[in-house]
């Protein structure tokens, strides 16, 4: 018995040491990715509660205080919104706490990178507390989330533009024939896929014998924007690269498809209504995957001074000087602590707050699919217009990024 007790104590000690090592490793190297993991966990929790929590929530008096119990879909939407609100508050509080952090010497730098056990506990407590709030607060958050989701989509667009321009500049910077040929091949592939995609959209969303003028307008408008991108890029005054134009063209066509696919399944111009179950699952999976990847990309790109997440005085990633000799370790540690932070911690957490709102709208069909399409996700006219307007905003920002340096040569863009 004594030996077993000692063995159990040793095992517990080893487990605690292992957990401390993992947490310490996260705080030193992978804080941004750890936040992404926590955000992904919130998506999983929201998705699971959407499927299983409705019967339990029907029995909670301060939630189900109606004279007539709503449909099951109402409780599923409410569960997702409450998890999203807890996640939103968690990252918003962190964002407020991190306002003004400029150097690693600031005590709040350690809060951003460490204390993971306490952070996870606080996150769990916040999510649980959301289920004790009255329905009126959740309803207000639902309305606010539609605006916040639009801001998140705008951030996605800015990040995409940053990515394609960085990609183009990197390959052009090699100044070799191979990389110029690679730029041309990738651009041609993107254009071939774009125009092939447009043909598929005409086939699926403008069936013969139906008056589908709105769908026709969306597709033709996107094609016009594709040609405008190419014309501006190839104009002698701009002399831009065709790669960014081709990638943005493909993205705008995808957004057009995403918007048309979100039309109600009983709409006669929606050719996907015969495959609603498969399309619904695919749309949800792609949407959630896109959201997670966008947040991960935001976190990774935050380490570069060329992105919107970085303060002006932050050092470029990889630009650190070699370590000082070991006999000057104290001086080195002091110098390291006084270094400026490589990205804005506050804005970093705002990205996650907006992403929490967007994921809630994605899982609930922008709170319009209930009553229209049963359990379908991301279906309804608000979702259609959000996607289409995002496509137009993407086009506007890309065109502005091309012409602004020539219209205002004295300003830095």
Protein backbone atom coordinates (compact mmCIF):
# COMPACT_ATOMS: atom_id res chain seq x y z
CA UNK A 1 0.00 0.00 0.00
CA UNK A 2 2.83 2.37 0.90
CA UNK A 3 4.64 1.58 -2.34
CA UNK A 4 1.46 2.18 -4.34
CA UNK A 5 0.93 5.50 -2.58
CA UNK A 6 4.49 6.57 -3.40
CA UNK A 7 4.05 5.48 -7.01
CA UNK A 8 0.82 7.47 -7.32
CA UNK A 9 2.50 10.53 -5.80
CA UNK A 10 5.40 10.25 -8.22
CA UNK A 11 3.05 9.89 -11.19
CA UNK A 12 1.06 12.94 -10.09
CA UNK A 13 4.27 14.93 -9.65
CA UNK A 14 5.47 13.93 -13.10
CA UNK A 15 2.10 14.87 -14.63
CA UNK A 16 2.17 18.29 -12.96
CA UNK A 17 5.73 18.85 -14.15
CA UNK A 18 4.75 17.87 -17.69
CA UNK A 19 1.77 20.27 -17.65
CA UNK A 20 3.98 23.08 -16.36
CA UNK A 21 6.52 22.37 -19.10
CA UNK A 22 3.84 22.48 -21.78
CA UNK A 23 2.39 25.73 -20.44
CA UNK A 24 5.88 27.23 -20.19
CA UNK A 25 6.64 26.18 -23.74
CA UNK A 26 3.43 27.80 -24.98
CA UNK A 27 4.20 31.04 -23.22
CA UNK A 28 7.68 31.26 -24.73
CA UNK A 29 7.14 30.19 -28.31
CA UNK A 30 3.59 29.68 -29.45
CA UNK A 31 1.27 32.09 -27.67
CA UNK A 32 -0.40 33.20 -30.87
CA UNK A 33 -1.05 29.65 -32.03
CA UNK A 34 -2.35 28.77 -28.54
CA UNK A 35 -4.92 31.56 -28.80
CA UNK A 36 -5.93 30.11 -32.17
CA UNK A 37 -6.34 26.72 -30.50
CA UNK A 38 -8.57 28.24 -27.83
CA UNK A 39 -10.65 29.92 -30.52
CA UNK A 40 -10.97 26.60 -32.38
CA UNK A 41 -12.11 25.00 -29.11
CA UNK A 42 -14.86 27.62 -28.82
CA UNK A 43 -16.08 26.69 -32.32
CA UNK A 44 -16.21 23.01 -31.37
CA UNK A 45 -18.09 23.75 -28.13
CA UNK A 46 -20.59 25.98 -29.96
CA UNK A 47 -21.13 23.36 -32.65
CA UNK A 48 -21.67 20.57 -30.09
CA UNK A 49 -24.08 22.63 -27.97
CA UNK A 50 -25.97 23.53 -31.11
CA UNK A 51 -26.63 19.84 -31.61
CA UNK A 52 -27.29 18.60 -28.07
CA UNK A 53 -28.12 21.48 -25.70
CA UNK A 54 -31.65 22.32 -26.86
CA UNK A 55 -33.54 19.81 -24.61
CA UNK A 56 -31.68 21.04 -21.53
CA UNK A 57 -32.16 24.72 -22.33
CA UNK A 58 -35.90 24.18 -22.73
CA UNK A 59 -36.00 23.38 -19.00
CA UNK A 60 -34.13 26.51 -17.86
CA UNK A 61 -36.80 28.97 -16.61
CA UNK A 62 -34.95 32.23 -17.29
CA UNK A 63 -34.33 31.13 -20.90
CA UNK A 64 -37.61 29.41 -21.70
CA UNK A 65 -39.98 31.89 -20.05
CA UNK A 66 -42.34 32.04 -23.02
CA UNK A 67 -46.02 31.17 -22.86
CA UNK A 68 -45.43 28.84 -25.80
CA UNK A 69 -42.12 27.01 -26.07
CA UNK A 70 -40.23 28.03 -29.25
CA UNK A 71 -39.03 25.54 -31.84
CA UNK A 72 -35.89 23.52 -31.18
CA UNK A 73 -33.98 25.66 -33.68
CA UNK A 74 -34.45 28.73 -31.47
CA UNK A 75 -32.65 27.05 -28.57
CA UNK A 76 -29.87 25.84 -30.89
CA UNK A 77 -29.28 29.39 -32.08
CA UNK A 78 -29.42 30.71 -28.51
CA UNK A 79 -26.78 28.19 -27.36
CA UNK A 80 -24.39 29.23 -30.13
CA UNK A 81 -24.88 32.92 -29.36
CA UNK A 82 -24.19 32.43 -25.65
CA UNK A 83 -20.94 30.56 -26.29
CA UNK A 84 -19.95 33.22 -28.82
CA UNK A 85 -20.70 36.01 -26.33
CA UNK A 86 -18.48 34.39 -23.70
CA UNK A 87 -15.68 34.04 -26.25
CA UNK A 88 -16.19 37.63 -27.38
CA UNK A 89 -15.99 38.97 -23.82
CA UNK A 90 -12.87 36.91 -23.09
CA UNK A 91 -10.90 38.34 -26.00
CA UNK A 92 -12.37 41.83 -25.59
CA UNK A 93 -11.22 41.96 -21.96
CA UNK A 94 -7.75 40.84 -23.02
CA UNK A 95 -7.75 43.50 -25.73
CA UNK A 96 -8.57 46.24 -23.21
CA UNK A 97 -5.92 44.97 -20.80
CA UNK A 98 -3.29 45.07 -23.55
CA UNK A 99 -3.90 48.65 -24.69
CA UNK A 100 -0.62 50.58 -24.67
CA UNK A 101 1.79 47.64 -24.38
CA UNK A 102 4.85 48.82 -26.30
CA UNK A 103 7.81 46.92 -24.85
CA UNK A 104 8.44 43.45 -23.50
CA UNK A 105 9.38 45.04 -20.18
CA UNK A 106 5.71 45.85 -19.59
CA UNK A 107 4.26 43.39 -17.00
CA UNK A 108 1.29 42.86 -19.28
CA UNK A 109 3.60 41.20 -21.81
CA UNK A 110 3.86 38.25 -19.42
CA UNK A 111 0.07 38.21 -19.09
CA UNK A 112 -0.27 37.97 -22.86
CA UNK A 113 2.18 35.09 -23.16
CA UNK A 114 1.64 33.24 -19.89
CA UNK A 115 -0.92 32.22 -17.29
CA UNK A 116 -2.61 29.74 -19.60
CA UNK A 117 -4.20 27.61 -16.92
CA UNK A 118 -5.89 30.69 -15.45
CA UNK A 119 -6.92 31.88 -18.93
CA UNK A 120 -8.61 28.60 -19.76
CA UNK A 121 -10.43 28.64 -16.42
CA UNK A 122 -11.59 32.23 -16.98
CA UNK A 123 -12.76 31.34 -20.48
CA UNK A 124 -14.80 28.41 -19.15
CA UNK A 125 -16.32 30.56 -16.38
CA UNK A 126 -17.32 33.27 -18.84
CA UNK A 127 -18.97 30.81 -21.20
CA UNK A 128 -20.90 29.20 -18.34
CA UNK A 129 -22.01 32.58 -16.98
CA UNK A 130 -23.49 33.47 -20.37
CA UNK A 131 -26.17 30.83 -19.82
CA UNK A 132 -27.41 32.78 -16.79
CA UNK A 133 -27.99 36.00 -18.74
CA UNK A 134 -31.50 37.09 -19.77
CA UNK A 135 -32.60 36.66 -23.37
CA UNK A 136 -32.66 40.41 -23.99
CA UNK A 137 -28.88 40.68 -23.66
CA UNK A 138 -28.39 37.76 -26.05
CA UNK A 139 -30.75 39.37 -28.52
CA UNK A 140 -28.75 42.61 -28.38
CA UNK A 141 -25.52 40.68 -28.93
CA UNK A 142 -27.11 38.92 -31.89
CA UNK A 143 -27.85 42.26 -33.56
CA UNK A 144 -24.39 43.61 -32.78
CA UNK A 145 -22.74 40.47 -34.16
CA UNK A 146 -23.99 41.21 -37.66
CA UNK A 147 -22.06 44.48 -37.65
CA UNK A 148 -18.99 42.90 -36.06
CA UNK A 149 -19.05 40.08 -38.61
CA UNK A 150 -18.93 42.63 -41.41
CA UNK A 151 -15.82 44.15 -39.84
CA UNK A 152 -14.21 40.72 -39.61
CA UNK A 153 -14.88 40.08 -43.30
CA UNK A 154 -13.28 43.44 -44.07
CA UNK A 155 -10.21 42.41 -42.07
CA UNK A 156 -10.10 39.19 -44.10
CA UNK A 157 -10.03 41.26 -47.28
CA UNK A 158 -7.19 43.46 -46.00
CA UNK A 159 -5.19 40.38 -45.01
CA UNK A 160 -5.77 38.78 -48.40
CA UNK A 161 -4.56 41.92 -50.18
CA UNK A 162 -1.50 42.01 -47.92
CA UNK A 163 -0.83 38.34 -48.70
CA UNK A 164 -1.07 38.56 -52.50
CA UNK A 165 1.07 41.71 -52.70
CA UNK A 166 3.69 40.15 -50.40
CA UNK A 167 3.61 36.95 -52.46
CA UNK A 168 4.11 38.91 -55.70
CA UNK A 169 6.89 41.10 -54.27
CA UNK A 170 8.76 38.05 -52.97
CA UNK A 171 8.78 36.23 -56.32
CA UNK A 172 9.60 39.38 -58.28
CA UNK A 173 12.41 40.11 -55.82
CA UNK A 174 14.23 36.94 -56.89
CA UNK A 175 14.71 38.62 -60.32
CA UNK A 176 15.10 35.28 -62.09
CA UNK A 177 13.43 33.99 -65.23
CA UNK A 178 12.07 30.92 -63.43
CA UNK A 179 10.11 32.98 -60.91
CA UNK A 180 8.71 35.27 -63.60
CA UNK A 181 7.50 32.16 -65.44
CA UNK A 182 6.00 30.84 -62.20
CA UNK A 183 4.10 34.11 -61.74
CA UNK A 184 2.69 33.80 -65.25
CA UNK A 185 1.67 30.15 -64.80
CA UNK A 186 -0.06 30.75 -61.46
CA UNK A 187 -1.86 33.79 -62.88
CA UNK A 188 -3.09 31.84 -65.92
CA UNK A 189 -4.32 28.99 -63.71
CA UNK A 190 -6.24 31.44 -61.51
CA UNK A 191 -7.89 33.03 -64.54
CA UNK A 192 -8.80 29.66 -66.07
CA UNK A 193 -10.38 28.57 -62.78
CA UNK A 194 -12.16 31.92 -62.45
CA UNK A 195 -13.83 31.79 -65.87
CA UNK A 196 -14.62 28.08 -65.51
CA UNK A 197 -16.20 28.87 -62.15
CA UNK A 198 -18.30 31.61 -63.72
CA UNK A 199 -19.64 29.14 -66.27
CA UNK A 200 -20.65 26.82 -63.44
CA UNK A 201 -22.44 29.69 -61.72
CA UNK A 202 -24.44 30.45 -64.88
CA UNK A 203 -25.39 26.76 -65.07
CA UNK A 204 -26.42 26.38 -61.42
CA UNK A 205 -28.02 29.73 -60.62
CA UNK A 206 -29.64 30.89 -63.88
CA UNK A 207 -31.76 27.88 -64.91
CA UNK A 208 -33.60 28.14 -68.20
CA UNK A 209 -37.24 29.12 -68.03
CA UNK A 210 -36.81 31.10 -64.80
CA UNK A 211 -36.58 34.84 -64.24
CA UNK A 212 -33.21 35.02 -62.49
CA UNK A 213 -32.22 38.60 -63.23
CA UNK A 214 -30.72 39.16 -59.77
CA UNK A 215 -28.43 36.15 -60.03
CA UNK A 216 -27.47 37.14 -63.57
CA UNK A 217 -26.59 40.63 -62.30
CA UNK A 218 -24.37 39.25 -59.52
CA UNK A 219 -22.42 36.96 -61.88
CA UNK A 220 -22.04 39.49 -64.71
CA UNK A 221 -20.99 42.21 -62.26
CA UNK A 222 -18.28 39.93 -60.89
CA UNK A 223 -17.03 39.20 -64.42
CA UNK A 224 -16.91 42.92 -65.17
CA UNK A 225 -14.80 43.46 -62.05
CA UNK A 226 -12.43 40.70 -63.20
CA UNK A 227 -11.86 42.52 -66.50
CA UNK A 228 -11.47 45.86 -64.68
CA UNK A 229 -8.75 44.33 -62.47
CA UNK A 230 -6.82 43.17 -65.54
CA UNK A 231 -7.21 46.48 -67.40
CA UNK A 232 -6.00 48.57 -64.44
CA UNK A 233 -3.13 46.20 -63.72
CA UNK A 234 -1.89 46.21 -67.33
CA UNK A 235 -2.33 49.96 -67.80
CA UNK A 236 1.03 51.63 -68.59
CA UNK A 237 0.59 54.09 -65.72
CA UNK A 238 0.11 51.34 -63.14
CA UNK A 239 2.33 48.62 -64.67
CA UNK A 240 1.34 46.18 -61.95
CA UNK A 241 1.75 42.43 -61.75
CA UNK A 242 -1.01 40.19 -63.03
CA UNK A 243 -0.69 37.75 -60.09
CA UNK A 244 -2.55 39.86 -57.48
CA UNK A 245 -5.28 40.65 -60.02
CA UNK A 246 -5.78 36.97 -60.85
CA UNK A 247 -5.93 35.85 -57.21
CA UNK A 248 -8.38 38.61 -56.24
CA UNK A 249 -10.49 37.73 -59.31
CA UNK A 250 -10.72 34.13 -58.17
CA UNK A 251 -11.59 35.20 -54.61
CA UNK A 252 -14.35 37.55 -55.82
CA UNK A 253 -15.82 34.75 -57.95
CA UNK A 254 -15.75 32.45 -54.92
CA UNK A 255 -17.55 35.08 -52.84
CA UNK A 256 -20.15 35.37 -55.61
CA UNK A 257 -20.69 31.61 -55.49
CA UNK A 258 -20.84 31.67 -51.69
CA UNK A 259 -23.50 34.37 -51.82
CA UNK A 260 -25.61 32.58 -54.45
CA UNK A 261 -25.29 29.28 -52.57
CA UNK A 262 -26.72 31.01 -49.48
CA UNK A 263 -30.01 31.77 -51.22
CA UNK A 264 -33.04 30.04 -49.65
CA UNK A 265 -33.43 26.46 -50.85
CA UNK A 266 -36.99 27.13 -52.03
CA UNK A 267 -35.80 29.93 -54.33
CA UNK A 268 -36.37 28.71 -57.89
CA UNK A 269 -33.09 30.18 -59.16
CA UNK A 270 -31.00 28.25 -56.65
CA UNK A 271 -29.87 25.12 -58.48
CA UNK A 272 -28.43 23.63 -55.30
CA UNK A 273 -31.82 22.96 -53.69
CA UNK A 274 -31.73 19.31 -54.81
CA UNK A 275 -28.53 18.77 -52.86
CA UNK A 276 -29.31 20.91 -49.83
CA UNK A 277 -28.02 18.49 -47.20
CA UNK A 278 -24.64 17.91 -48.85
CA UNK A 279 -24.24 21.58 -49.73
CA UNK A 280 -25.19 22.63 -46.20
CA UNK A 281 -22.52 20.38 -44.66
CA UNK A 282 -19.91 21.48 -47.18
CA UNK A 283 -20.73 25.18 -46.73
CA UNK A 284 -20.49 24.92 -42.94
CA UNK A 285 -17.19 23.01 -43.09
CA UNK A 286 -15.61 25.40 -45.59
CA UNK A 287 -16.88 28.43 -43.71
CA UNK A 288 -15.54 27.29 -40.34
CA UNK A 289 -12.25 26.19 -41.89
CA UNK A 290 -11.90 29.58 -43.62
CA UNK A 291 -12.59 31.36 -40.34
CA UNK A 292 -9.98 29.36 -38.42
CA UNK A 293 -7.40 29.78 -41.19
CA UNK A 294 -8.07 33.52 -41.35
CA UNK A 295 -7.50 33.87 -37.62
CA UNK A 296 -4.38 31.68 -37.74
CA UNK A 297 -3.04 33.75 -40.63
CA UNK A 298 -3.78 36.94 -38.68
CA UNK A 299 -1.80 35.56 -35.75
CA UNK A 300 1.15 34.44 -37.84
CA UNK A 301 1.33 37.63 -39.90
CA UNK A 302 1.17 39.66 -36.70
CA UNK A 303 4.88 39.05 -36.23
CA UNK A 304 5.76 41.13 -39.29
CA UNK A 305 6.08 44.91 -39.21
CA UNK A 306 4.53 45.10 -42.69
CA UNK A 307 1.07 44.12 -41.51
CA UNK A 308 -1.78 46.06 -39.97
CA UNK A 309 -1.32 44.19 -36.68
CA UNK A 310 2.13 45.65 -36.05
CA UNK A 311 2.90 48.98 -34.37
CA UNK A 312 5.07 51.36 -36.44
CA UNK A 313 8.12 50.98 -34.20
CA UNK A 314 8.06 47.17 -34.09
CA UNK A 315 11.10 45.27 -35.40
CA UNK A 316 10.81 43.11 -38.50
CA UNK A 317 10.46 39.39 -37.86
CA UNK A 318 13.83 37.69 -37.97
CA UNK A 319 15.75 40.92 -37.60
CA UNK A 320 17.07 40.34 -34.10
CA UNK A 321 20.79 40.67 -33.37
CA UNK A 322 22.82 37.62 -32.28
CA UNK A 323 22.73 36.71 -28.61
CA UNK A 324 25.35 38.27 -26.37
CA UNK A 325 27.98 36.04 -24.76
CA UNK A 326 26.94 33.98 -21.75
CA UNK A 327 28.99 36.05 -19.32
CA UNK A 328 26.81 39.06 -20.20
CA UNK A 329 23.51 37.24 -19.72
CA UNK A 330 22.04 39.83 -17.32
CA UNK A 331 22.71 42.64 -19.76
CA UNK A 332 21.24 40.59 -22.55
CA UNK A 333 18.06 39.81 -20.58
CA UNK A 334 17.63 43.49 -19.75
CA UNK A 335 18.04 44.39 -23.41
CA UNK A 336 15.56 41.70 -24.46
CA UNK A 337 12.98 42.92 -21.96
CA UNK A 338 13.25 46.48 -23.23
CA UNK A 339 12.70 45.48 -26.86
CA UNK A 340 9.50 46.77 -28.49
CA UNK A 341 6.74 44.23 -29.02
CA UNK A 342 6.57 42.82 -32.55
CA UNK A 343 2.82 43.36 -32.96
CA UNK A 344 -0.12 45.07 -31.31
CA UNK A 345 -1.45 42.75 -28.61
CA UNK A 346 -4.66 44.76 -28.29
CA UNK A 347 -5.53 44.62 -31.99
CA UNK A 348 -4.53 40.96 -32.05
CA UNK A 349 -7.28 40.15 -29.54
CA UNK A 350 -9.78 42.34 -31.40
CA UNK A 351 -9.35 40.01 -34.37
CA UNK A 352 -10.50 37.10 -32.21
CA UNK A 353 -13.42 39.11 -30.82
CA UNK A 354 -14.71 39.88 -34.32
CA UNK A 355 -14.09 36.29 -35.39
CA UNK A 356 -16.25 35.12 -32.48
CA UNK A 357 -19.13 37.21 -33.82
CA UNK A 358 -18.60 35.95 -37.36
CA UNK A 359 -18.50 32.30 -36.33
CA UNK A 360 -21.78 32.75 -34.44
CA UNK A 361 -23.44 34.20 -37.54
CA UNK A 362 -22.02 31.38 -39.63
CA UNK A 363 -23.35 28.67 -37.31
CA UNK A 364 -26.78 30.27 -37.02
CA UNK A 365 -27.23 31.28 -40.68
CA UNK A 366 -27.03 34.96 -39.67
CA UNK A 367 -29.98 34.19 -37.37
CA UNK A 368 -32.36 33.97 -40.31
CA UNK A 369 -32.24 30.30 -41.30
CA UNK A 370 -34.48 29.31 -38.39
CA UNK A 371 -38.02 29.19 -39.70
CA UNK A 372 -36.86 29.56 -43.31
CA UNK A 373 -34.73 26.54 -43.92
CA UNK A 374 -34.94 24.38 -40.82
CA UNK A 375 -31.50 23.20 -39.76
CA UNK A 376 -29.66 24.62 -42.77
CA UNK A 377 -26.63 26.73 -41.95
CA UNK A 378 -25.64 30.06 -43.48
CA UNK A 379 -28.78 30.28 -45.62
CA UNK A 380 -30.91 33.37 -46.12
CA UNK A 381 -30.96 36.69 -47.96
CA UNK A 382 -28.89 38.56 -45.34
CA UNK A 383 -26.11 36.02 -45.87
CA UNK A 384 -26.39 36.50 -49.64
CA UNK A 385 -25.99 40.26 -49.43
CA UNK A 386 -23.16 40.05 -46.90
CA UNK A 387 -21.16 37.87 -49.31
CA UNK A 388 -21.94 40.00 -52.35
CA UNK A 389 -21.13 43.28 -50.60
CA UNK A 390 -17.91 41.74 -49.30
CA UNK A 391 -17.02 40.84 -52.88
CA UNK A 392 -17.61 44.42 -54.00
CA UNK A 393 -15.64 45.76 -51.04
CA UNK A 394 -12.75 43.45 -51.97
CA UNK A 395 -12.84 44.80 -55.52
CA UNK A 396 -12.93 48.40 -54.30
CA UNK A 397 -10.00 47.94 -51.92
CA UNK A 398 -7.91 46.17 -54.57
CA UNK A 399 -8.55 48.87 -57.16
CA UNK A 400 -7.71 51.52 -54.57
CA UNK A 401 -4.46 49.74 -53.68
CA UNK A 402 -3.48 49.88 -57.36
CA UNK A 403 -4.39 53.48 -58.22
CA UNK A 404 -3.86 55.29 -54.90
CA UNK A 405 -0.02 55.42 -55.14
CA UNK A 406 -0.37 57.13 -58.51
CA UNK A 407 -3.16 59.49 -57.51
CA UNK A 408 -1.32 60.59 -54.35
CA UNK A 409 2.40 60.09 -55.03
CA UNK A 410 3.42 62.14 -51.98
CA UNK A 411 1.71 59.77 -49.54
CA UNK A 412 2.94 56.37 -48.42
CA UNK A 413 0.57 53.40 -48.95
